[in-house]
Protein backbone atom coordinates (compact mmCIF):
# COMPACT_ATOMS: atom_id res chain seq x y z
CA MET A 1 11.47 27.98 31.28
CA SER A 2 8.36 29.11 33.51
CA SER A 3 6.83 25.17 32.45
CA MET A 4 7.76 21.84 31.71
CA VAL A 5 4.21 20.42 31.31
CA CYS A 6 3.48 19.81 27.44
CA GLN A 7 0.89 22.69 26.27
CA SER A 8 -0.73 21.05 24.05
CA CYS A 9 -1.94 18.34 26.50
CA GLY A 10 -1.54 20.38 29.69
CA GLU A 11 -0.63 16.59 30.93
CA ASN A 12 2.13 15.21 30.17
CA PRO A 13 5.91 16.36 30.56
CA ALA A 14 7.52 18.50 28.25
CA THR A 15 10.79 17.04 26.08
CA PHE A 16 10.60 18.75 22.93
CA HIS A 17 11.41 22.61 23.21
CA LEU A 18 11.45 24.47 19.63
CA THR A 19 11.49 28.20 18.97
CA GLU A 20 9.04 29.73 16.17
CA VAL A 21 10.06 32.34 14.61
CA PRO A 22 7.03 34.31 12.24
CA GLU A 23 8.03 34.52 8.55
CA ASP A 24 8.42 38.02 8.69
CA MET A 25 9.35 39.05 11.87
CA GLY A 26 8.26 43.25 11.46
CA PRO A 27 7.98 45.81 14.36
CA GLY A 28 6.43 44.08 17.25
CA ALA A 29 6.24 40.53 15.78
CA GLN A 30 8.32 37.96 18.29
CA ALA A 31 9.39 34.49 18.39
CA ARG A 32 7.25 31.99 20.34
CA GLU A 33 8.71 29.36 22.53
CA VAL A 34 6.33 26.11 22.28
CA HIS A 35 6.78 22.60 24.44
CA TYR A 36 5.81 19.52 23.45
CA CYS A 37 5.84 15.72 25.37
CA GLU A 38 6.29 13.16 23.31
CA ALA A 39 3.46 12.68 21.90
CA CYS A 40 1.77 15.81 21.47
CA ALA A 41 5.65 16.61 19.29
CA ALA A 42 5.28 13.49 17.25
CA ALA A 43 1.44 14.95 16.24
CA ALA A 44 2.23 17.77 15.01
CA GLY A 45 5.14 16.27 12.75
CA LEU A 46 8.10 17.06 14.90
CA SER A 47 10.57 14.05 15.61
CA HIS A 48 14.35 13.68 17.02
CA GLU A 49 15.45 13.90 13.03
CA MET A 50 14.86 17.40 13.13
CA THR A 51 18.42 18.73 12.18
CA ALA A 52 20.43 21.06 14.07
CA GLY A 53 20.87 23.86 11.22
CA GLY A 54 17.43 24.30 11.25
CA LEU A 55 16.59 24.96 14.52
CA ILE A 56 19.54 27.05 15.07
CA ALA A 57 18.56 28.81 11.84
CA ASN A 58 15.52 29.84 13.32
CA ALA A 59 17.52 31.32 16.46
CA VAL A 60 19.66 33.21 14.49
CA ALA A 61 16.86 34.32 12.06
CA SER A 62 14.68 35.80 14.88
CA VAL A 63 17.96 37.84 16.62
CA ALA A 64 18.99 38.93 12.99
CA ALA A 65 14.99 40.63 12.76
CA ALA A 66 15.32 41.90 16.83
CA ALA A 67 18.90 43.35 15.98
CA SER A 68 18.43 44.66 12.51
CA GLY A 69 14.80 45.95 13.12
CA VAL A 70 12.58 47.58 10.59
CA ARG A 71 14.28 46.61 6.66
CA THR A 72 16.00 49.83 5.33
CA PRO A 73 17.52 50.46 2.09
CA GLU A 74 20.93 50.56 3.73
CA THR A 75 20.30 46.63 4.95
CA GLU A 76 18.53 45.46 1.93
CA GLY A 77 20.60 46.33 -0.71
CA LEU A 78 23.61 44.82 1.06
CA HIS A 79 25.33 42.10 -1.40
CA CYS A 80 29.01 40.64 -0.87
CA PRO A 81 30.62 41.10 -3.68
CA HIS A 82 32.26 37.72 -2.72
CA CYS A 83 29.51 35.27 -2.70
CA GLY A 84 26.64 37.27 -3.80
CA MET A 85 24.64 36.95 -0.65
CA SER A 86 22.33 39.45 0.19
CA PHE A 87 22.00 40.39 4.01
CA HIS A 88 18.02 39.67 4.00
CA GLU A 89 19.02 36.45 2.63
CA PHE A 90 21.25 35.92 5.71
CA LYS A 91 18.51 37.14 7.97
CA ARG A 92 15.81 34.58 6.80
CA LYS A 93 18.53 31.43 6.36
CA GLY A 94 20.44 31.95 9.80
CA ARG A 95 23.89 31.09 7.32
CA LEU A 96 26.71 33.42 5.85
CA GLY A 97 27.83 33.00 2.34
CA CYS A 98 31.51 33.49 2.73
CA PRO A 99 34.33 34.90 5.17
CA ARG A 100 33.91 38.51 3.87
CA ASP A 101 30.37 38.64 4.93
CA TYR A 102 31.60 39.80 8.40
CA GLU A 103 33.15 42.55 6.91
CA VAL A 104 30.34 43.48 4.17
CA PHE A 105 27.39 42.91 6.47
CA ALA A 106 29.22 44.55 9.65
CA THR A 107 27.41 47.82 10.14
CA PRO A 108 23.61 45.37 11.10
CA LEU A 109 25.73 42.48 11.74
CA GLU A 110 27.55 44.12 15.06
CA PRO A 111 24.14 44.28 17.18
CA MET A 112 23.28 40.87 16.19
CA LEU A 113 26.65 39.67 17.94
CA GLN A 114 26.58 41.41 21.12
CA LYS A 115 22.81 39.81 21.53
CA MET A 116 24.49 36.27 20.34
CA HIS A 117 27.06 36.78 22.60
CA ALA A 118 26.04 38.58 25.36
CA CYS A 119 28.98 41.19 24.88
CA THR A 120 28.90 44.60 24.58
CA THR A 121 32.11 44.77 22.46
CA PRO A 122 31.93 41.87 20.57
CA ARG A 123 35.90 41.27 19.79
CA HIS A 124 38.01 37.78 20.02
CA ARG A 125 39.76 36.82 23.06
CA GLY A 126 41.55 33.56 21.95
CA ARG A 127 44.30 31.59 19.83
CA VAL A 128 44.30 32.98 16.17
CA PRO A 129 45.90 31.30 13.00
CA ARG A 130 49.89 31.65 13.03
CA GLY A 131 50.79 33.45 9.89
CA PRO A 132 50.05 37.62 9.05
CA PHE A 133 46.28 38.24 8.69
CA GLU A 134 47.01 41.10 6.34
CA VAL A 135 48.36 38.14 3.96
CA ARG A 136 45.70 35.62 4.64
CA ASN A 137 42.58 37.97 3.93
CA VAL A 138 44.22 39.52 0.66
CA VAL A 139 45.29 36.36 -0.37
CA GLY A 140 41.68 35.08 0.87
CA ASP A 141 40.10 37.52 -0.79
CA ARG A 142 41.09 37.07 -4.11
CA LEU A 143 40.54 33.72 -3.65
CA LEU A 144 37.30 33.91 -3.54
CA GLN A 145 36.31 36.26 -6.32
CA LEU A 146 37.61 33.90 -8.46
CA ARG A 147 35.96 31.61 -7.59
CA ARG A 148 32.86 32.96 -8.18
CA GLU A 149 34.06 34.08 -11.80
CA LEU A 150 35.15 30.41 -12.67
CA GLN A 151 31.89 29.07 -11.21
CA ASP A 152 30.16 32.00 -13.06
CA ALA A 153 31.59 31.31 -16.50
CA ILE A 154 31.72 27.49 -15.95
CA GLY A 155 27.73 27.88 -15.94
CA SER A 156 27.56 30.36 -18.72
CA GLU A 157 29.14 27.33 -21.10
CA ARG A 158 32.22 29.95 -20.94
CA TYR A 159 35.12 27.14 -21.17
CA GLU A 160 38.42 29.37 -22.39
CA GLU A 161 37.67 32.25 -19.68
CA ALA A 162 37.51 29.10 -16.94
CA ALA A 163 40.20 27.65 -17.97
CA ARG A 164 41.80 31.09 -17.47
CA VAL A 165 40.32 31.66 -14.27
CA ARG A 166 41.63 28.12 -13.07
CA ASP A 167 45.03 28.66 -14.14
CA GLU A 168 45.35 32.00 -11.74
CA ILE A 169 43.89 30.19 -9.03
CA THR A 170 46.40 27.53 -9.24
CA ARG A 171 49.09 30.37 -9.61
CA ILE A 172 47.90 32.34 -6.42
CA GLU A 173 47.60 29.35 -4.39
CA HIS A 174 51.29 28.18 -5.26
CA GLU A 175 52.79 31.34 -5.53
CA GLY A 176 50.38 34.01 -3.44
CA VAL A 177 49.36 37.22 -4.17
CA ASP A 178 52.07 40.07 -4.93
CA LEU A 179 52.48 41.83 -1.38
CA GLY A 180 56.16 42.26 -2.30
CA GLU A 181 56.93 38.96 -1.29
CA SER A 182 56.40 35.47 -2.22
CA LEU A 183 53.34 33.68 0.18
CA ASP A 184 53.58 29.19 0.42
CA VAL A 185 49.91 28.83 1.03
CA GLY A 186 49.01 25.65 3.02
CA GLY A 187 47.33 23.17 1.43
CA SER A 188 48.86 23.63 -2.03
CA GLN A 189 50.35 20.21 -2.12
CA ASP A 190 48.67 18.02 -5.83
CA PRO A 191 46.22 15.44 -4.07
CA ALA A 192 46.85 13.02 -6.52
CA ASP A 193 50.14 13.22 -6.25
CA PRO A 194 50.84 9.32 -4.66
CA SER A 195 53.85 10.70 -3.20
CA GLY A 196 52.77 13.65 -1.21
CA PRO A 197 50.68 13.12 2.35
CA LEU A 198 48.13 11.87 0.72
CA GLY A 199 49.85 9.04 -0.87
CA LEU A 200 51.03 8.05 2.74
CA SER A 201 47.17 7.73 3.70
CA ALA A 202 46.14 5.79 1.27
CA SER A 203 45.23 2.77 3.36
CA ILE A 204 42.55 5.62 4.99
CA MET A 205 41.20 6.78 2.67
CA ALA A 206 40.16 3.50 1.45
CA GLY A 207 36.60 2.39 0.80
CA SER A 208 33.84 1.99 3.91
CA ASN A 209 33.22 -1.11 2.93
CA ASP A 210 36.76 -2.17 3.85
CA LEU A 211 37.66 -0.43 6.61
CA GLY A 212 37.02 -3.32 9.46
CA LEU A 213 34.04 -1.29 10.98
CA ASP A 214 32.15 -4.68 11.62
CA ASP A 215 33.69 -5.19 15.50
CA LEU A 216 33.25 -1.25 16.09
CA ASP A 217 28.89 -3.16 16.56
CA ARG A 218 30.20 -5.03 19.43
CA ARG A 219 31.70 -2.48 21.57
CA GLY A 220 31.24 1.14 22.65
CA GLY A 221 33.60 3.83 22.31
CA GLU A 222 36.59 4.55 24.48
CA TRP A 223 34.33 7.53 25.67
CA LEU A 224 31.70 5.32 27.38
CA ARG A 225 34.11 3.21 29.59
CA GLY A 226 33.94 5.51 32.48
CA GLY A 227 36.23 5.46 36.04
CA GLY A 228 36.98 8.92 37.68
CA THR A 229 34.89 10.02 41.06
CA ARG A 230 32.45 11.64 39.03
CA ALA A 231 31.60 8.70 36.24
CA ASP A 232 28.17 8.56 38.24
CA ILE A 233 26.83 11.21 36.64
CA VAL A 234 29.12 12.10 34.27
CA ILE A 235 29.13 10.28 30.94
CA SER A 236 31.78 12.16 29.05
CA SER A 237 33.09 15.24 27.73
CA ARG A 238 33.36 16.95 24.47
CA VAL A 239 35.37 19.63 22.49
CA ARG A 240 34.84 21.25 19.50
CA LEU A 241 36.14 22.84 16.64
CA ALA A 242 34.93 25.07 13.88
CA ARG A 243 37.17 26.01 11.39
CA ASN A 244 37.06 27.58 7.49
CA LEU A 245 38.98 27.32 4.57
CA ALA A 246 40.37 30.44 3.75
CA GLY A 247 39.47 31.50 -0.06
CA PHE A 248 36.67 28.83 0.02
CA PRO A 249 33.02 30.10 0.15
CA PHE A 250 30.94 28.95 3.06
CA LEU A 251 28.57 25.90 2.49
CA ALA A 252 25.51 27.56 1.98
CA ARG A 253 27.41 29.61 -1.60
CA ALA A 254 29.85 26.03 -2.70
CA SER A 255 28.88 24.62 -5.46
CA GLU A 256 29.52 20.85 -5.60
CA GLU A 257 33.09 21.03 -7.38
CA GLN A 258 33.92 23.45 -4.19
CA ARG A 259 33.01 21.05 -1.79
CA GLU A 260 34.77 18.24 -4.04
CA GLU A 261 37.98 20.74 -3.30
CA ILE A 262 37.72 21.08 0.35
CA VAL A 263 37.50 17.52 0.94
CA GLU A 264 40.75 17.14 -1.54
CA ARG A 265 42.37 19.44 0.43
CA VAL A 266 41.58 18.64 3.93
CA LYS A 267 42.22 15.01 3.06
CA VAL A 268 46.31 15.69 2.73
CA PRO A 269 47.09 16.11 5.95
CA PHE A 270 44.99 13.19 7.50
CA ALA A 271 47.81 10.70 7.73
CA LYS A 272 49.48 13.34 9.77
CA LEU A 273 47.13 13.68 12.22
CA PRO A 274 47.23 12.70 15.80
CA LEU A 275 44.34 10.34 15.99
CA GLU A 276 46.05 7.90 18.60
CA THR A 277 45.08 4.97 17.31
CA SER A 278 44.56 3.17 13.57
CA PRO A 279 42.58 6.37 11.57
CA TYR A 280 39.15 5.49 9.58
CA TYR A 281 37.99 7.67 6.88
CA ILE A 282 34.92 7.29 5.19
CA ASP A 283 33.49 9.49 2.14
CA LEU A 284 29.86 9.75 3.04
CA ALA A 285 28.71 10.55 -0.25
CA GLU A 286 29.25 6.92 -0.75
CA ALA A 287 28.26 5.71 2.46
CA GLY A 288 24.58 3.88 2.48
CA GLU A 289 21.82 5.27 5.06
CA THR A 290 22.51 2.40 7.62
CA LEU A 291 26.24 3.46 7.98
CA GLY A 292 25.60 7.02 7.84
CA SER A 293 23.05 6.70 10.98
CA PHE A 294 25.96 4.04 12.90
CA LEU A 295 28.11 7.19 12.64
CA VAL A 296 25.67 9.58 14.60
CA GLU A 297 24.59 6.75 16.48
CA ARG A 298 28.47 6.22 17.91
CA HIS A 299 28.68 10.30 18.00
CA LEU A 300 31.35 10.36 15.28
CA ILE A 301 29.43 12.72 13.27
CA SER A 302 26.10 14.67 13.57
CA ARG A 303 23.11 14.35 11.85
CA GLU A 304 23.31 17.49 9.97
CA LEU A 305 26.06 15.93 8.14
CA GLN A 306 24.51 12.51 7.21
CA GLN A 307 21.70 14.28 5.81
CA GLY A 308 24.00 16.44 3.89
CA LYS A 309 24.52 16.66 -0.36
CA GLY A 310 27.73 16.75 -1.93
CA ALA A 311 31.02 15.53 -1.04
CA ARG A 312 31.41 15.15 2.51
CA GLY A 313 33.29 12.79 4.88
CA VAL A 314 34.82 12.34 8.48
CA ALA A 315 38.21 10.87 9.40
CA PHE A 316 38.19 9.27 13.03
CA GLY A 317 40.78 6.81 15.04
CA SER A 318 39.32 3.80 15.89
CA ASN A 319 39.17 4.48 19.70
CA GLU A 320 36.36 7.26 18.50
CA ALA A 321 38.35 9.60 20.66
CA VAL A 322 38.79 12.28 18.34
CA SER A 323 37.14 12.60 14.70
CA VAL A 324 37.06 15.27 11.87
CA MET A 325 34.33 15.87 9.65
CA VAL A 326 34.07 17.62 6.84
CA ASN A 327 31.97 19.66 4.98
CA GLU A 328 29.05 19.50 7.55
CA GLU A 329 27.68 23.13 7.95
CA ASP A 330 31.65 24.37 8.08
CA HIS A 331 34.47 23.03 6.11
CA ILE A 332 35.98 21.51 9.27
CA ARG A 333 34.35 20.04 12.41
CA ILE A 334 37.27 18.70 14.99
CA GLN A 335 35.82 16.62 17.65
CA SER A 336 37.30 14.98 20.71
CA ILE A 337 35.58 13.53 23.46
CA LYS A 338 36.81 12.11 26.63
CA THR A 339 35.40 9.36 29.23
CA SER A 340 33.91 11.50 32.46
CA LEU A 341 34.87 14.33 33.49
CA ALA A 342 37.86 15.56 31.33
CA LEU A 343 37.46 18.89 29.60
CA GLY A 344 40.92 19.49 29.94
CA ASP A 345 42.06 16.28 28.11
CA ALA A 346 39.41 16.71 25.49
CA TRP A 347 40.45 20.59 24.40
CA GLN A 348 44.16 19.69 24.50
CA SER A 349 43.41 16.76 22.04
CA ALA A 350 41.34 18.99 19.77
CA LEU A 351 43.65 20.74 19.96
CA ALA A 352 46.60 19.22 18.89
CA ILE A 353 44.50 18.40 15.68
CA ASP A 354 44.01 22.01 15.37
CA HIS A 355 47.69 22.64 14.80
CA ALA A 356 48.21 19.85 12.28
CA LEU A 357 45.27 21.03 10.11
CA GLU A 358 47.34 24.23 10.57
CA ASP A 359 50.57 23.49 9.18
CA GLU A 360 49.20 22.27 5.82
CA LEU A 361 45.74 24.77 5.49
CA ASP A 362 45.00 28.49 5.86
CA PHE A 363 41.81 28.85 7.66
CA ALA A 364 39.78 31.50 7.72
CA ALA A 365 40.08 34.00 10.51
CA SER A 366 40.46 37.84 11.31
CA SER A 367 41.90 40.02 14.14
CA ARG A 368 38.62 40.99 14.80
CA TYR A 369 36.00 38.70 14.72
CA GLY A 370 38.87 35.26 15.13
CA TYR A 371 37.27 32.27 13.50
CA LEU A 372 35.33 32.93 10.96
CA THR A 373 32.01 30.31 10.46
CA ALA A 374 29.27 29.81 8.56
CA CYS A 375 26.94 30.75 11.59
CA PRO A 376 27.95 33.84 13.72
CA THR A 377 27.01 31.74 16.54
CA ASN A 378 30.28 30.50 16.65
CA VAL A 379 32.13 32.94 15.31
CA GLY A 380 35.40 33.69 17.62
CA THR A 381 36.96 30.79 19.32
CA GLY A 382 34.51 27.90 17.05
CA MET A 383 34.62 26.28 19.91
CA ARG A 384 31.31 24.08 21.97
CA ALA A 385 32.64 22.27 24.94
CA SER A 386 30.20 19.96 26.95
CA VAL A 387 29.68 17.41 28.86
CA MET A 388 26.91 14.47 29.28
CA LEU A 389 25.22 13.86 32.48
CA HIS A 390 22.94 11.07 33.38
CA LEU A 391 20.67 13.16 35.78
CA PRO A 392 17.15 10.27 36.39
CA ALA A 393 16.99 10.99 39.56
CA MET A 394 16.58 15.04 39.08
CA VAL A 395 13.95 13.76 35.96
CA GLN A 396 11.59 11.65 38.87
CA MET A 397 11.68 14.06 41.46
CA LYS A 398 10.18 16.31 38.49
CA GLN A 399 13.22 18.12 39.18
CA ILE A 400 14.99 18.80 35.98
CA GLU A 401 13.59 22.60 35.15
CA LYS A 402 16.13 23.41 37.59
CA LEU A 403 18.79 22.35 35.20
CA PHE A 404 16.88 24.36 32.24
CA ASN A 405 16.70 27.65 34.66
CA ALA A 406 20.47 26.49 35.85
CA ALA A 407 21.99 26.81 32.88
CA HIS A 408 19.94 29.59 31.48
CA ARG A 409 21.05 31.62 33.87
CA THR A 410 24.90 31.29 33.30
CA GLY A 411 24.62 31.26 29.45
CA LEU A 412 24.75 27.43 28.59
CA ALA A 413 22.46 25.34 26.91
CA VAL A 414 21.02 21.90 27.42
CA ARG A 415 20.52 19.39 24.58
CA GLY A 416 19.74 16.13 24.26
CA PHE A 417 21.01 12.71 23.91
CA TYR A 418 23.18 13.71 20.32
CA GLY A 419 23.19 17.43 21.16
CA GLU A 420 21.89 20.17 19.06
CA GLY A 421 17.70 19.65 17.56
CA THR A 422 17.68 16.67 19.98
CA MET A 423 15.57 15.81 22.71
CA ALA A 424 16.94 14.33 25.91
CA SER A 425 16.59 9.74 25.59
CA GLY A 426 17.52 7.51 28.68
CA ASP A 427 17.75 10.52 31.18
CA LEU A 428 21.00 12.01 29.32
CA TYR A 429 21.59 15.77 28.66
CA GLN A 430 24.39 17.25 27.18
CA ILE A 431 25.35 21.02 29.31
CA SER A 432 27.14 23.05 26.63
CA ASN A 433 28.37 26.86 26.02
CA GLN A 434 26.77 29.09 23.94
CA VAL A 435 29.12 32.48 23.78
CA THR A 436 32.29 31.62 21.51
CA LEU A 437 33.33 35.39 20.81
CA GLY A 438 34.77 37.89 23.53
CA VAL A 439 36.23 34.56 25.55
CA ASP A 440 38.95 32.54 25.52
CA GLU A 441 38.86 29.04 25.08
CA GLU A 442 40.44 28.40 28.93
CA GLN A 443 37.10 31.29 30.22
CA ILE A 444 34.71 28.73 28.48
CA LEU A 445 36.00 25.41 29.70
CA GLU A 446 35.96 27.14 33.10
CA GLY A 447 32.41 29.10 32.66
CA LEU A 448 31.43 24.92 32.09
CA GLU A 449 33.06 23.42 34.80
CA ALA A 450 32.15 26.22 37.30
CA ILE A 451 28.52 25.14 37.34
CA LEU A 452 29.16 21.50 37.18
CA PRO A 453 29.39 21.07 40.63
CA THR A 454 25.99 22.48 41.89
CA ILE A 455 24.48 20.56 39.21
CA LEU A 456 26.24 17.26 40.02
CA ASP A 457 25.29 18.23 43.94
CA TYR A 458 21.58 18.39 43.18
CA GLU A 459 21.79 15.11 40.94
CA ARG A 460 23.31 13.71 44.35
CA LYS A 461 20.76 14.88 46.68
CA CYS A 462 18.00 14.43 44.70
CA ARG A 463 19.19 10.40 44.82
CA ASP A 464 19.74 10.71 48.25
CA GLU A 465 16.26 11.68 48.62
CA LEU A 466 15.09 8.93 46.75
CA LEU A 467 16.61 6.48 48.52
CA THR A 468 15.21 7.41 52.03
CA ASP A 469 12.75 5.11 54.14
CA ARG A 470 9.32 6.73 52.73
CA ARG A 471 10.83 6.11 49.06
CA GLN A 472 13.18 3.25 48.76
CA LEU A 473 10.98 0.63 48.28
CA GLN A 474 9.85 2.29 45.44
CA VAL A 475 12.86 2.73 44.03
CA GLU A 476 14.25 -0.80 44.52
CA ASP A 477 10.96 -2.23 42.80
CA ARG A 478 11.45 0.00 39.31
CA CYS A 479 15.22 -0.66 39.40
CA HIS A 480 15.00 -4.63 39.69
CA ARG A 481 11.85 -4.60 37.81
CA ALA A 482 13.51 -2.83 34.75
CA LEU A 483 16.81 -5.16 34.91
CA ALA A 484 14.59 -7.76 34.99
CA LEU A 485 12.55 -6.67 31.95
CA LEU A 486 16.14 -6.45 30.30
CA ARG A 487 17.03 -9.48 30.91
CA SER A 488 13.80 -11.51 29.79
CA ALA A 489 11.71 -9.09 27.24
CA ARG A 490 11.36 -10.32 24.02
CA ILE A 491 10.91 -7.39 22.00
CA LEU A 492 12.42 -3.72 23.14
CA SER A 493 11.65 -0.44 21.35
CA SER A 494 14.97 2.50 21.29
CA ASP A 495 13.10 4.27 24.04
CA GLU A 496 11.74 1.15 25.92
CA ALA A 497 15.36 0.38 26.26
CA MET A 498 16.92 3.59 26.68
CA SER A 499 14.60 4.31 30.06
CA ASN A 500 15.53 1.05 31.48
CA LEU A 501 18.78 1.27 30.53
CA SER A 502 18.54 4.59 32.67
CA THR A 503 16.95 3.25 35.83
CA VAL A 504 19.14 0.11 35.86
CA ARG A 505 22.56 2.68 35.90
CA LEU A 506 20.34 4.56 38.72
CA GLY A 507 20.30 1.05 40.28
CA MET A 508 24.09 0.42 39.85
CA VAL A 509 25.50 3.75 40.95
CA THR A 510 23.45 3.88 44.43
CA GLY A 511 24.14 0.44 45.27
CA VAL A 512 20.38 -1.21 45.01
CA LEU A 513 21.46 -3.57 41.99
CA SER A 514 24.85 -5.47 42.19
CA GLY A 515 26.70 -7.94 39.47
CA VAL A 516 25.85 -5.53 36.22
CA ASP A 517 28.88 -3.50 35.03
CA VAL A 518 28.43 0.00 34.57
CA GLU A 519 30.76 0.10 31.99
CA ARG A 520 28.53 -2.34 29.63
CA VAL A 521 25.16 -0.16 30.60
CA ASN A 522 27.04 2.93 28.22
CA GLU A 523 28.28 1.18 25.96
CA LEU A 524 24.53 -0.37 25.93
CA PHE A 525 23.05 3.08 25.40
CA VAL A 526 25.02 2.89 22.20
CA LEU A 527 24.87 -0.32 20.26
CA ILE A 528 20.69 -0.35 20.68
CA GLN A 529 20.27 2.00 18.57
CA PRO A 530 18.68 1.12 15.39
CA ALA A 531 21.60 1.21 12.61
CA HIS A 532 23.61 -0.97 15.13
CA VAL A 533 20.87 -3.28 15.67
CA GLN A 534 20.20 -3.10 11.60
CA LYS A 535 24.44 -3.62 11.30
CA MET A 536 24.48 -6.59 13.41
CA ARG A 537 21.93 -8.61 10.98
CA GLY A 538 23.60 -7.32 7.88
CA GLU A 539 20.64 -6.52 6.40
CA ASP A 540 17.79 -4.36 6.50
CA ILE A 541 14.98 -5.53 8.59
CA ASP A 542 11.82 -4.10 9.74
CA PRO A 543 10.94 -1.96 13.13
CA PRO A 544 9.57 -5.49 14.59
CA ALA A 545 12.54 -7.95 13.71
CA ARG A 546 14.56 -5.21 14.54
CA ASP A 547 12.84 -4.51 18.48
CA ALA A 548 13.08 -8.43 18.82
CA LEU A 549 16.76 -8.74 18.27
CA ARG A 550 17.50 -5.49 20.28
CA ALA A 551 15.89 -7.47 23.02
CA GLN A 552 17.99 -10.54 22.47
CA TYR A 553 20.98 -8.43 22.54
CA VAL A 554 20.04 -6.62 25.61
CA ARG A 555 19.58 -10.73 26.98
CA GLN A 556 22.57 -11.89 25.90
CA ASN A 557 24.25 -8.81 28.01
CA LEU A 558 22.75 -8.77 30.71
CA SER A 559 21.78 -12.18 32.16
């Protein structure tokens, strides 16, 4: 980025960054990056709640248009026989319809993958599901075809044919297809059988009102605890894995009945998952808006999952270190989050969940492209590794642009407090990998860990500069004013609270302030968010009342 000043007003720092893609990118047309401050972004109708899916779809559409060039009969006539998606529809939406699209669209898709993943030969190099790909792909292809036939038959009210197709799906799931041997397909346990794995987890599947979540709004997850030599800057480390079930279309082409079936399949092994502590499952199709926002604020689910439609849910342990989202962008999103700098530990926890699910379910994968995902930006390992950093000194010294530049040069992405599609709040930034194909999981972790010392050293140098003789008094004044305001304010908006908490945290870790627990400040970054404040009251309250309750809560915690 050449400038971090709002290009609309030309005065305020740009905090909202977006790529605008023309509706129809012909030859010579180009995507355009726009950078707005908070006020101008709001005036343009942009907000923190913009979904990551829309932003990524724009990026994929841009790459698709650039890579595929002018429309040709060869590409325009491409349709997947299994899900019905055309290549033109994929270019427009940025999402594939089913795992088979990777083969059907292979010719125009290959140059797109080269650009997305910065490799001349996009081939998978990471771990793969256990079992032979040939058997998995034959079974998956047949099930995809049958499920589309079933959907068509039901839509045309040909119920006898639908019953026949459903019986054939059931037979294949229990016996496999004829490859000279019987195949036991994972996940064939009847979800309605109380003696199966789901029966063991009946308590997990209780309604969300009986989950004992009331204590969560008074404390943060364990990933906010801090500790370690780098905890002054590194808040947390996260690893996320994207997986899809073989034999099902991606969600862009899934019917509501198929979405419900995916949820039931994935719930079967939940009782066996190593969630580390007492597990919960929340049906997000039945959850209210406040509960959904509450889970987003705690980083247990994405905004996209909260705002989705139809059958979907999330399982997580009571310490919130691991969560499994169902029917977000992909069928399964595994997330492991650890306090401070612990990418290796986060990866091992996510891998344990991955193994446990793989014991019961067949994942869509190929030897060429690895784990197959709805968005090609995730194909391969399906892995996103990230760290959340507190960088107030770089922001105050107006050096945060260097972070964006360094990340861009090394193939990393910089995102806001809630990840993709969000802006920074409280000087908190997430740094993550962008490439998932052509590298293995260890290389992804090593690439992220390689740039971290440079970022951490630069933030510390900026902190040292702030505490030089000519600046120290101003910094001390700013930190003490922030703490005094938080201890006495009667009205606090989310943005004002986050900004002042960031300044207080800077004062604590640099020794300017004392008498405040850094762990509690970390927790308050989450606990003062709107849905948390709403949940404290236990009833719907308007924004002014929420701001007053937030101020009261902060006073109680920092007095």
